[in-house]
Amino acid sequence: MTEMGSPDCAAVLGGIAPYLDGELETTECEVIERHCASCASCAAVVASLQETIGLCRGAALSELPSGVRQKAQDSVAQLLGKERG
């Protein structure tokens, strides 16, 4: 197990966004996954971010209540009016 803050951890955390976005080559993903298999701290960070991304994607599929949507549209219209005025 590596200690959080080690150079390995820094490399993993530095590449976490492209890893989670599926933008890394297979070999780069394997390096991160191998590290996380032996580093509970980095594994927890990766798992937490994956869960957060999943929740955000799920929320994006939910429709806003009409009152909230209308309030947001009114606010945007008001802001645009101020820019033009």
N, C-alpha and C. Protein backbone atom coordinates (compact mmCIF):
# COMPACT_ATOMS: atom_id res chain seq x y z
N MET A 1 0.85 -1.18 0.00
CA MET A 1 0.00 0.00 0.00
C MET A 1 0.89 1.23 0.00
N THR A 2 0.58 2.19 -0.88
CA THR A 2 1.37 3.41 -0.92
C THR A 2 0.76 4.43 0.03
N GLU A 3 1.57 5.37 0.41
CA GLU A 3 1.11 6.42 1.32
C GLU A 3 0.56 7.57 0.50
N MET A 4 -0.64 8.06 0.88
CA MET A 4 -1.24 9.19 0.16
C MET A 4 -0.25 10.34 0.16
N GLY A 5 -0.06 10.92 -0.98
CA GLY A 5 0.90 12.00 -1.11
C GLY A 5 2.19 11.54 -1.75
N SER A 6 2.31 10.25 -2.03
CA SER A 6 3.50 9.74 -2.69
C SER A 6 3.49 10.19 -4.15
N PRO A 7 4.64 10.11 -4.82
CA PRO A 7 4.67 10.47 -6.24
C PRO A 7 3.68 9.64 -7.07
N ASP A 8 3.50 8.37 -6.69
CA ASP A 8 2.52 7.53 -7.41
C ASP A 8 1.12 8.12 -7.26
N CYS A 9 0.78 8.52 -6.05
CA CYS A 9 -0.55 9.11 -5.81
C CYS A 9 -0.71 10.40 -6.60
N ALA A 10 0.31 11.21 -6.62
CA ALA A 10 0.25 12.47 -7.36
C ALA A 10 0.02 12.21 -8.84
N ALA A 11 0.68 11.20 -9.39
CA ALA A 11 0.51 10.86 -10.80
C ALA A 11 -0.90 10.37 -11.08
N VAL A 12 -1.42 9.52 -10.19
CA VAL A 12 -2.77 9.00 -10.36
C VAL A 12 -3.78 10.13 -10.28
N LEU A 13 -3.68 10.95 -9.26
CA LEU A 13 -4.65 12.03 -9.08
C LEU A 13 -4.52 13.09 -10.18
N GLY A 14 -3.31 13.26 -10.71
CA GLY A 14 -3.11 14.19 -11.81
C GLY A 14 -3.78 13.74 -13.10
N GLY A 15 -3.96 12.43 -13.25
CA GLY A 15 -4.59 11.90 -14.45
C GLY A 15 -6.01 11.44 -14.25
N ILE A 16 -6.59 11.81 -13.13
CA ILE A 16 -7.91 11.29 -12.78
C ILE A 16 -9.01 11.77 -13.72
N ALA A 17 -9.00 13.03 -14.12
CA ALA A 17 -10.06 13.55 -14.98
C ALA A 17 -10.10 12.83 -16.33
N PRO A 18 -8.96 12.74 -17.04
CA PRO A 18 -9.02 12.03 -18.32
C PRO A 18 -9.34 10.54 -18.14
N TYR A 19 -8.94 9.97 -17.01
CA TYR A 19 -9.28 8.56 -16.73
C TYR A 19 -10.79 8.41 -16.60
N LEU A 20 -11.40 9.25 -15.80
CA LEU A 20 -12.84 9.16 -15.57
C LEU A 20 -13.64 9.52 -16.83
N ASP A 21 -13.06 10.34 -17.69
CA ASP A 21 -13.73 10.73 -18.93
C ASP A 21 -13.51 9.72 -20.05
N GLY A 22 -12.70 8.68 -19.78
CA GLY A 22 -12.43 7.65 -20.79
C GLY A 22 -11.51 8.12 -21.89
N GLU A 23 -10.64 9.07 -21.58
CA GLU A 23 -9.77 9.65 -22.59
C GLU A 23 -8.36 9.07 -22.60
N LEU A 24 -8.05 8.17 -21.68
CA LEU A 24 -6.70 7.60 -21.60
C LEU A 24 -6.59 6.31 -22.40
N GLU A 25 -5.37 6.03 -22.83
CA GLU A 25 -5.09 4.76 -23.49
C GLU A 25 -5.22 3.63 -22.47
N THR A 26 -5.41 2.42 -22.94
CA THR A 26 -5.58 1.26 -22.08
C THR A 26 -4.42 1.11 -21.11
N THR A 27 -3.20 1.30 -21.58
CA THR A 27 -2.04 1.12 -20.70
C THR A 27 -2.03 2.15 -19.58
N GLU A 28 -2.44 3.37 -19.87
CA GLU A 28 -2.50 4.40 -18.83
C GLU A 28 -3.58 4.07 -17.80
N CYS A 29 -4.71 3.54 -18.28
CA CYS A 29 -5.78 3.13 -17.37
C CYS A 29 -5.30 2.00 -16.46
N GLU A 30 -4.57 1.08 -17.03
CA GLU A 30 -4.07 -0.05 -16.25
C GLU A 30 -3.12 0.40 -15.14
N VAL A 31 -2.32 1.42 -15.41
CA VAL A 31 -1.41 1.96 -14.38
C VAL A 31 -2.23 2.51 -13.22
N ILE A 32 -3.25 3.27 -13.52
CA ILE A 32 -4.11 3.85 -12.48
C ILE A 32 -4.83 2.75 -11.71
N GLU A 33 -5.38 1.79 -12.43
CA GLU A 33 -6.11 0.70 -11.78
C GLU A 33 -5.20 -0.17 -10.91
N ARG A 34 -3.99 -0.41 -11.38
CA ARG A 34 -3.02 -1.19 -10.59
C ARG A 34 -2.66 -0.44 -9.31
N HIS A 35 -2.45 0.86 -9.44
CA HIS A 35 -2.12 1.67 -8.26
C HIS A 35 -3.29 1.65 -7.27
N CYS A 36 -4.50 1.84 -7.76
CA CYS A 36 -5.67 1.87 -6.88
C CYS A 36 -5.91 0.52 -6.20
N ALA A 37 -5.48 -0.56 -6.83
CA ALA A 37 -5.62 -1.89 -6.22
C ALA A 37 -4.75 -2.01 -4.97
N SER A 38 -3.68 -1.22 -4.91
CA SER A 38 -2.78 -1.29 -3.75
C SER A 38 -2.80 -0.04 -2.88
N CYS A 39 -3.61 0.96 -3.25
CA CYS A 39 -3.66 2.20 -2.48
C CYS A 39 -5.13 2.53 -2.18
N ALA A 40 -5.52 2.24 -0.97
CA ALA A 40 -6.92 2.45 -0.58
C ALA A 40 -7.33 3.92 -0.68
N SER A 41 -6.41 4.83 -0.41
CA SER A 41 -6.73 6.26 -0.46
C SER A 41 -7.09 6.70 -1.87
N CYS A 42 -6.27 6.33 -2.83
CA CYS A 42 -6.56 6.71 -4.22
C CYS A 42 -7.78 5.96 -4.74
N ALA A 43 -7.94 4.71 -4.34
CA ALA A 43 -9.11 3.94 -4.75
C ALA A 43 -10.38 4.61 -4.25
N ALA A 44 -10.33 5.12 -3.03
CA ALA A 44 -11.50 5.81 -2.46
C ALA A 44 -11.81 7.10 -3.23
N VAL A 45 -10.78 7.83 -3.61
CA VAL A 45 -10.97 9.06 -4.37
C VAL A 45 -11.61 8.74 -5.72
N VAL A 46 -11.07 7.74 -6.40
CA VAL A 46 -11.59 7.36 -7.71
C VAL A 46 -13.04 6.90 -7.59
N ALA A 47 -13.32 6.04 -6.61
CA ALA A 47 -14.69 5.53 -6.43
C ALA A 47 -15.66 6.66 -6.11
N SER A 48 -15.24 7.58 -5.27
CA SER A 48 -16.10 8.71 -4.90
C SER A 48 -16.40 9.59 -6.10
N LEU A 49 -15.40 9.87 -6.90
CA LEU A 49 -15.61 10.70 -8.09
C LEU A 49 -16.48 9.98 -9.11
N GLN A 50 -16.29 8.67 -9.27
CA GLN A 50 -17.14 7.91 -10.19
C GLN A 50 -18.59 7.96 -9.74
N GLU A 51 -18.81 7.84 -8.44
CA GLU A 51 -20.17 7.91 -7.91
C GLU A 51 -20.77 9.30 -8.14
N THR A 52 -19.98 10.33 -7.89
CA THR A 52 -20.45 11.71 -8.08
C THR A 52 -20.82 11.96 -9.54
N ILE A 53 -19.99 11.49 -10.45
CA ILE A 53 -20.28 11.65 -11.88
C ILE A 53 -21.57 10.93 -12.24
N GLY A 54 -21.74 9.73 -11.72
CA GLY A 54 -22.97 8.99 -11.97
C GLY A 54 -24.20 9.71 -11.47
N LEU A 55 -24.09 10.28 -10.27
CA LEU A 55 -25.22 11.03 -9.72
C LEU A 55 -25.54 12.26 -10.56
N CYS A 56 -24.50 12.95 -11.00
CA CYS A 56 -24.71 14.15 -11.84
C CYS A 56 -25.36 13.78 -13.16
N ARG A 57 -24.90 12.70 -13.76
CA ARG A 57 -25.50 12.27 -15.03
C ARG A 57 -26.96 11.88 -14.83
N GLY A 58 -27.24 11.22 -13.73
CA GLY A 58 -28.62 10.83 -13.43
C GLY A 58 -29.50 12.05 -13.19
N ALA A 59 -28.97 13.04 -12.52
CA ALA A 59 -29.73 14.26 -12.25
C ALA A 59 -30.04 15.01 -13.54
N ALA A 60 -29.13 14.93 -14.49
CA ALA A 60 -29.33 15.62 -15.76
C ALA A 60 -30.51 15.04 -16.53
N LEU A 61 -30.85 13.79 -16.24
CA LEU A 61 -31.97 13.15 -16.92
C LEU A 61 -33.32 13.50 -16.29
N SER A 62 -33.27 14.03 -15.09
CA SER A 62 -34.51 14.39 -14.39
C SER A 62 -34.99 15.76 -14.84
N GLU A 63 -36.29 15.88 -15.03
CA GLU A 63 -36.85 17.16 -15.43
C GLU A 63 -37.06 18.03 -14.20
N LEU A 64 -36.74 19.31 -14.35
CA LEU A 64 -36.95 20.25 -13.26
C LEU A 64 -38.45 20.48 -13.06
N PRO A 65 -38.86 20.71 -11.83
CA PRO A 65 -40.26 21.09 -11.61
C PRO A 65 -40.55 22.39 -12.37
N SER A 66 -41.77 22.54 -12.86
CA SER A 66 -42.11 23.69 -13.70
C SER A 66 -41.84 25.03 -13.02
N GLY A 67 -42.08 25.12 -11.71
CA GLY A 67 -41.84 26.37 -10.99
C GLY A 67 -40.36 26.74 -10.98
N VAL A 68 -39.51 25.76 -10.80
CA VAL A 68 -38.06 26.00 -10.78
C VAL A 68 -37.59 26.39 -12.17
N ARG A 69 -38.09 25.67 -13.18
CA ARG A 69 -37.71 25.98 -14.57
C ARG A 69 -38.15 27.40 -14.94
N GLN A 70 -39.36 27.77 -14.56
CA GLN A 70 -39.87 29.11 -14.90
C GLN A 70 -39.04 30.19 -14.21
N LYS A 71 -38.69 29.96 -12.94
CA LYS A 71 -37.88 30.94 -12.21
C LYS A 71 -36.51 31.10 -12.88
N ALA A 72 -35.91 30.01 -13.31
CA ALA A 72 -34.61 30.07 -13.99
C ALA A 72 -34.74 30.82 -15.31
N GLN A 73 -35.79 30.53 -16.07
CA GLN A 73 -35.99 31.23 -17.34
C GLN A 73 -36.21 32.73 -17.12
N ASP A 74 -36.97 33.08 -16.10
CA ASP A 74 -37.20 34.49 -15.78
C ASP A 74 -35.90 35.19 -15.40
N SER A 75 -35.07 34.50 -14.62
CA SER A 75 -33.79 35.08 -14.21
C SER A 75 -32.88 35.30 -15.40
N VAL A 76 -32.83 34.34 -16.30
CA VAL A 76 -32.01 34.49 -17.50
C VAL A 76 -32.53 35.63 -18.36
N ALA A 77 -33.83 35.70 -18.54
CA ALA A 77 -34.42 36.78 -19.33
C ALA A 77 -34.09 38.15 -18.72
N GLN A 78 -34.14 38.23 -17.41
CA GLN A 78 -33.83 39.48 -16.72
C GLN A 78 -32.37 39.85 -16.92
N LEU A 79 -31.48 38.88 -16.79
CA LEU A 79 -30.06 39.15 -17.01
C LEU A 79 -29.78 39.58 -18.44
N LEU A 80 -30.40 38.93 -19.39
CA LEU A 80 -30.21 39.31 -20.79
C LEU A 80 -30.76 40.71 -21.05
N GLY A 81 -31.86 41.05 -20.42
CA GLY A 81 -32.44 42.38 -20.56
C GLY A 81 -31.50 43.45 -20.05
N LYS A 82 -30.81 43.17 -18.94
CA LYS A 82 -29.86 44.13 -18.38
C LYS A 82 -28.67 44.32 -19.30
N GLU A 83 -28.23 43.26 -19.96
CA GLU A 83 -27.09 43.37 -20.87
C GLU A 83 -27.44 44.20 -22.10
N ARG A 84 -28.67 44.09 -22.56
CA ARG A 84 -29.10 44.80 -23.76
C ARG A 84 -29.49 46.24 -23.47
N GLY A 85 -29.90 46.46 -22.23
CA GLY A 85 -30.44 47.77 -21.86
C GLY A 85 -29.41 48.72 -21.49
